[in-house]
């Protein structure tokens, strides 16, 4: 009888230990972010990647701009983009300048913005107006914006 009960205890402890390991491995901690990410590829009309394209985003409200250059595969990424309305400009030698406006960013949002440059003189500019889709297609995360007033009114332990 003693051997059977000892064996049962060991197997019960083994099951509990395995469950604890699985639970710890499945819980992923995420860092808090203050902005979102704009990423995508730049290609020509035939679908070929265009390297070394100057991609610039400008916050419409503040006028602050950030610049990045595409890599050899035509890929670009702009992390930590603060919430707001943006205008994206892409330009390369031998192609018309492309301007996309109406890009709305929220906290934690990832916007995939693939751009197609038209062959043309450097002086030509193509402007595409229209809002970017409000549904995130790049990630499945859910986020929410919290106002400064809400943060100030959060109860803190030991606060008078």
C-alpha atoms as a PDB file:
ATOM      1  CA  UNK A   1       0.000   0.000   0.000  1.00  0.00           C
ATOM      2  CA  UNK A   2       2.766   2.423   0.807  1.00  0.00           C
ATOM      3  CA  UNK A   3       4.403   1.983  -2.570  1.00  0.00           C
ATOM      4  CA  UNK A   4       1.170   2.687  -4.415  1.00  0.00           C
ATOM      5  CA  UNK A   5       0.511   5.887  -2.443  1.00  0.00           C
ATOM      6  CA  UNK A   6       4.099   7.101  -2.914  1.00  0.00           C
ATOM      7  CA  UNK A   7       3.801   6.476  -6.647  1.00  0.00           C
ATOM      8  CA  UNK A   8       0.530   8.386  -6.765  1.00  0.00           C
ATOM      9  CA  UNK A   9       2.121  11.342  -4.966  1.00  0.00           C
ATOM     10  CA  UNK A  10       5.035  11.425  -7.369  1.00  0.00           C
ATOM     11  CA  UNK A  11       2.800  11.257 -10.429  1.00  0.00           C
ATOM     12  CA  UNK A  12       0.511  13.974  -8.997  1.00  0.00           C
ATOM     13  CA  UNK A  13       3.552  16.181  -8.348  1.00  0.00           C
ATOM     14  CA  UNK A  14       4.823  15.475 -11.860  1.00  0.00           C
ATOM     15  CA  UNK A  15       1.489  16.525 -13.381  1.00  0.00           C
ATOM     16  CA  UNK A  16       1.386  19.710 -11.268  1.00  0.00           C
ATOM     17  CA  UNK A  17       4.983  20.535 -12.197  1.00  0.00           C
ATOM     18  CA  UNK A  18       4.286  20.015 -15.895  1.00  0.00           C
ATOM     19  CA  UNK A  19       1.197  22.231 -15.687  1.00  0.00           C
ATOM     20  CA  UNK A  20       3.190  24.969 -13.941  1.00  0.00           C
ATOM     21  CA  UNK A  21       5.880  24.866 -16.632  1.00  0.00           C
ATOM     22  CA  UNK A  22       3.291  25.031 -19.425  1.00  0.00           C
ATOM     23  CA  UNK A  23       1.505  27.944 -17.749  1.00  0.00           C
ATOM     24  CA  UNK A  24       4.746  29.879 -17.279  1.00  0.00           C
ATOM     25  CA  UNK A  25       5.808  29.240 -20.867  1.00  0.00           C
ATOM     26  CA  UNK A  26       2.440  30.250 -22.315  1.00  0.00           C
ATOM     27  CA  UNK A  27       2.155  33.591 -20.524  1.00  0.00           C
ATOM     28  CA  UNK A  28       3.966  36.198 -22.562  1.00  0.00           C
ATOM     29  CA  UNK A  29       4.699  39.590 -21.060  1.00  0.00           C
ATOM     30  CA  UNK A  30       4.467  42.569 -23.358  1.00  0.00           C
ATOM     31  CA  UNK A  31       6.011  45.969 -22.849  1.00  0.00           C
ATOM     32  CA  UNK A  32       3.907  49.084 -22.859  1.00  0.00           C
ATOM     33  CA  UNK A  33       4.299  51.212 -25.958  1.00  0.00           C
ATOM     34  CA  UNK A  34       3.585  54.874 -26.580  1.00  0.00           C
ATOM     35  CA  UNK A  35       3.350  54.679 -30.358  1.00  0.00           C
ATOM     36  CA  UNK A  36       2.754  52.417 -33.295  1.00  0.00           C
ATOM     37  CA  UNK A  37       4.682  51.155 -36.292  1.00  0.00           C
ATOM     38  CA  UNK A  38       4.428  51.917 -40.004  1.00  0.00           C
ATOM     39  CA  UNK A  39       6.040  49.308 -42.238  1.00  0.00           C
ATOM     40  CA  UNK A  40       5.841  48.029 -45.766  1.00  0.00           C
ATOM     41  CA  UNK A  41       7.599  47.566 -49.073  1.00  0.00           C
ATOM     42  CA  UNK A  42       8.214  49.902 -51.977  1.00  0.00           C
ATOM     43  CA  UNK A  43       7.955  48.458 -55.471  1.00  0.00           C
ATOM     44  CA  UNK A  44       7.786  49.599 -59.092  1.00  0.00           C
ATOM     45  CA  UNK A  45       4.751  49.007 -61.369  1.00  0.00           C
ATOM     46  CA  UNK A  46       6.029  45.524 -62.305  1.00  0.00           C
ATOM     47  CA  UNK A  47       6.166  44.502 -58.623  1.00  0.00           C
ATOM     48  CA  UNK A  48       9.959  44.523 -58.311  1.00  0.00           C
ATOM     49  CA  UNK A  49      11.391  45.895 -55.073  1.00  0.00           C
ATOM     50  CA  UNK A  50      12.932  49.371 -55.237  1.00  0.00           C
ATOM     51  CA  UNK A  51      15.968  49.786 -52.944  1.00  0.00           C
ATOM     52  CA  UNK A  52      17.224  53.042 -51.432  1.00  0.00           C
ATOM     53  CA  UNK A  53      13.876  54.854 -51.549  1.00  0.00           C
ATOM     54  CA  UNK A  54      13.603  57.841 -49.216  1.00  0.00           C
ATOM     55  CA  UNK A  55      10.432  57.331 -47.154  1.00  0.00           C
ATOM     56  CA  UNK A  56       9.323  60.208 -44.949  1.00  0.00           C
ATOM     57  CA  UNK A  57       6.403  60.468 -42.533  1.00  0.00           C
ATOM     58  CA  UNK A  58       5.151  63.849 -41.359  1.00  0.00           C
ATOM     59  CA  UNK A  59       2.746  64.461 -38.490  1.00  0.00           C
ATOM     60  CA  UNK A  60       0.108  66.755 -39.989  1.00  0.00           C
ATOM     61  CA  UNK A  61      -0.689  68.466 -36.664  1.00  0.00           C
ATOM     62  CA  UNK A  62       2.875  69.150 -35.474  1.00  0.00           C
ATOM     63  CA  UNK A  63       4.848  69.160 -38.729  1.00  0.00           C
ATOM     64  CA  UNK A  64       7.448  66.792 -37.232  1.00  0.00           C
ATOM     65  CA  UNK A  65       8.944  64.517 -39.902  1.00  0.00           C
ATOM     66  CA  UNK A  66      10.934  61.280 -39.715  1.00  0.00           C
ATOM     67  CA  UNK A  67      12.931  59.774 -42.574  1.00  0.00           C
ATOM     68  CA  UNK A  68      14.056  56.261 -43.392  1.00  0.00           C
ATOM     69  CA  UNK A  69      15.558  54.544 -46.457  1.00  0.00           C
ATOM     70  CA  UNK A  70      14.397  51.189 -47.823  1.00  0.00           C
ATOM     71  CA  UNK A  71      16.795  48.258 -47.750  1.00  0.00           C
ATOM     72  CA  UNK A  72      17.877  46.131 -50.729  1.00  0.00           C
ATOM     73  CA  UNK A  73      14.537  44.261 -50.638  1.00  0.00           C
ATOM     74  CA  UNK A  74      12.549  47.515 -50.709  1.00  0.00           C
ATOM     75  CA  UNK A  75      11.434  47.077 -47.082  1.00  0.00           C
ATOM     76  CA  UNK A  76      11.087  49.940 -44.603  1.00  0.00           C
ATOM     77  CA  UNK A  77       9.931  50.221 -40.999  1.00  0.00           C
ATOM     78  CA  UNK A  78       9.257  53.230 -38.803  1.00  0.00           C
ATOM     79  CA  UNK A  79       8.796  52.189 -35.147  1.00  0.00           C
ATOM     80  CA  UNK A  80       7.549  54.343 -32.260  1.00  0.00           C
ATOM     81  CA  UNK A  81       5.268  56.547 -34.346  1.00  0.00           C
ATOM     82  CA  UNK A  82       3.215  58.688 -31.970  1.00  0.00           C
ATOM     83  CA  UNK A  83      -0.581  58.762 -32.343  1.00  0.00           C
ATOM     84  CA  UNK A  84      -1.966  61.265 -34.850  1.00  0.00           C
ATOM     85  CA  UNK A  85      -2.596  61.977 -38.529  1.00  0.00           C
ATOM     86  CA  UNK A  86       0.329  61.375 -40.889  1.00  0.00           C
ATOM     87  CA  UNK A  87       1.370  61.978 -44.467  1.00  0.00           C
ATOM     88  CA  UNK A  88       3.812  59.477 -46.034  1.00  0.00           C
ATOM     89  CA  UNK A  89       6.089  60.531 -48.910  1.00  0.00           C
ATOM     90  CA  UNK A  90       8.264  58.149 -50.958  1.00  0.00           C
ATOM     91  CA  UNK A  91      10.791  59.335 -53.532  1.00  0.00           C
ATOM     92  CA  UNK A  92      13.581  57.743 -55.557  1.00  0.00           C
ATOM     93  CA  UNK A  93      15.679  58.711 -58.535  1.00  0.00           C
ATOM     94  CA  UNK A  94      13.884  57.920 -61.801  1.00  0.00           C
ATOM     95  CA  UNK A  95      10.461  57.627 -60.138  1.00  0.00           C
ATOM     96  CA  UNK A  96       7.641  60.049 -59.438  1.00  0.00           C
ATOM     97  CA  UNK A  97       7.250  61.154 -55.820  1.00  0.00           C
ATOM     98  CA  UNK A  98       4.342  59.392 -54.114  1.00  0.00           C
ATOM     99  CA  UNK A  99       2.397  61.094 -51.302  1.00  0.00           C
ATOM    100  CA  UNK A 100      -0.137  59.168 -49.175  1.00  0.00           C
ATOM    101  CA  UNK A 101      -2.180  61.258 -46.761  1.00  0.00           C
ATOM    102  CA  UNK A 102      -4.849  60.442 -44.213  1.00  0.00           C
ATOM    103  CA  UNK A 103      -2.829  57.836 -42.317  1.00  0.00           C
ATOM    104  CA  UNK A 104      -4.167  57.675 -38.745  1.00  0.00           C
ATOM    105  CA  UNK A 105      -1.981  56.114 -36.066  1.00  0.00           C
ATOM    106  CA  UNK A 106      -3.077  54.939 -32.606  1.00  0.00           C
ATOM    107  CA  UNK A 107      -1.121  53.576 -29.656  1.00  0.00           C
ATOM    108  CA  UNK A 108       0.242  50.105 -30.357  1.00  0.00           C
ATOM    109  CA  UNK A 109      -1.131  50.033 -33.910  1.00  0.00           C
ATOM    110  CA  UNK A 110       0.855  48.509 -36.767  1.00  0.00           C
ATOM    111  CA  UNK A 111       0.026  49.853 -40.226  1.00  0.00           C
ATOM    112  CA  UNK A 112       1.280  47.948 -43.251  1.00  0.00           C
ATOM    113  CA  UNK A 113       1.621  50.493 -46.035  1.00  0.00           C
ATOM    114  CA  UNK A 114       2.950  49.022 -49.299  1.00  0.00           C
ATOM    115  CA  UNK A 115       3.825  51.702 -51.851  1.00  0.00           C
ATOM    116  CA  UNK A 116       4.104  51.462 -55.652  1.00  0.00           C
ATOM    117  CA  UNK A 117       6.220  54.123 -57.363  1.00  0.00           C
ATOM    118  CA  UNK A 118       5.453  55.104 -60.947  1.00  0.00           C
ATOM    119  CA  UNK A 119       8.286  55.559 -63.423  1.00  0.00           C
ATOM    120  CA  UNK A 120       8.667  59.226 -64.274  1.00  0.00           C
ATOM    121  CA  UNK A 121      10.720  62.345 -64.039  1.00  0.00           C
ATOM    122  CA  UNK A 122      11.948  63.489 -60.655  1.00  0.00           C
ATOM    123  CA  UNK A 123       9.763  66.609 -60.871  1.00  0.00           C
ATOM    124  CA  UNK A 124       6.479  64.665 -61.113  1.00  0.00           C
ATOM    125  CA  UNK A 125       4.457  64.033 -57.971  1.00  0.00           C
ATOM    126  CA  UNK A 126       1.587  61.589 -57.542  1.00  0.00           C
ATOM    127  CA  UNK A 127      -0.737  62.261 -54.593  1.00  0.00           C
ATOM    128  CA  UNK A 128      -3.073  59.573 -53.360  1.00  0.00           C
ATOM    129  CA  UNK A 129      -5.822  60.816 -51.070  1.00  0.00           C
ATOM    130  CA  UNK A 130      -7.936  58.570 -48.951  1.00  0.00           C
ATOM    131  CA  UNK A 131      -7.812  57.135 -45.508  1.00  0.00           C
ATOM    132  CA  UNK A 132      -5.837  54.055 -44.669  1.00  0.00           C
ATOM    133  CA  UNK A 133      -7.917  51.138 -43.471  1.00  0.00           C
ATOM    134  CA  UNK A 134      -8.796  51.430 -39.792  1.00  0.00           C
ATOM    135  CA  UNK A 135      -8.578  47.658 -39.324  1.00  0.00           C
ATOM    136  CA  UNK A 136      -5.148  46.391 -38.390  1.00  0.00           C
ATOM    137  CA  UNK A 137      -4.063  43.644 -40.749  1.00  0.00           C
ATOM    138  CA  UNK A 138      -0.467  43.287 -39.576  1.00  0.00           C
ATOM    139  CA  UNK A 139      -1.131  42.181 -35.969  1.00  0.00           C
ATOM    140  CA  UNK A 140      -3.970  40.843 -33.853  1.00  0.00           C
ATOM    141  CA  UNK A 141      -3.240  42.885 -30.748  1.00  0.00           C
ATOM    142  CA  UNK A 142      -5.887  44.958 -29.034  1.00  0.00           C
ATOM    143  CA  UNK A 143      -4.964  48.290 -27.507  1.00  0.00           C
ATOM    144  CA  UNK A 144      -6.647  51.325 -26.049  1.00  0.00           C
ATOM    145  CA  UNK A 145      -5.705  54.966 -25.611  1.00  0.00           C
ATOM    146  CA  UNK A 146      -5.614  56.325 -22.056  1.00  0.00           C
ATOM    147  CA  UNK A 147      -5.862  60.054 -21.463  1.00  0.00           C
ATOM    148  CA  UNK A 148      -3.531  61.973 -19.145  1.00  0.00           C
ATOM    149  CA  UNK A 149      -6.456  62.740 -16.822  1.00  0.00           C
ATOM    150  CA  UNK A 150      -7.192  59.047 -16.369  1.00  0.00           C
ATOM    151  CA  UNK A 151      -3.553  58.338 -15.551  1.00  0.00           C
ATOM    152  CA  UNK A 152      -3.448  61.161 -12.965  1.00  0.00           C
ATOM    153  CA  UNK A 153      -6.605  59.885 -11.291  1.00  0.00           C
ATOM    154  CA  UNK A 154      -5.394  56.290 -10.881  1.00  0.00           C
ATOM    155  CA  UNK A 155      -5.245  55.337  -7.194  1.00  0.00           C
ATOM    156  CA  UNK A 156      -1.745  54.609  -5.943  1.00  0.00           C
ATOM    157  CA  UNK A 157      -0.897  52.730  -2.778  1.00  0.00           C
ATOM    158  CA  UNK A 158       0.143  55.111   0.009  1.00  0.00           C
ATOM    159  CA  UNK A 159      -0.882  58.240  -1.923  1.00  0.00           C
ATOM    160  CA  UNK A 160      -2.701  61.000   0.014  1.00  0.00           C
END
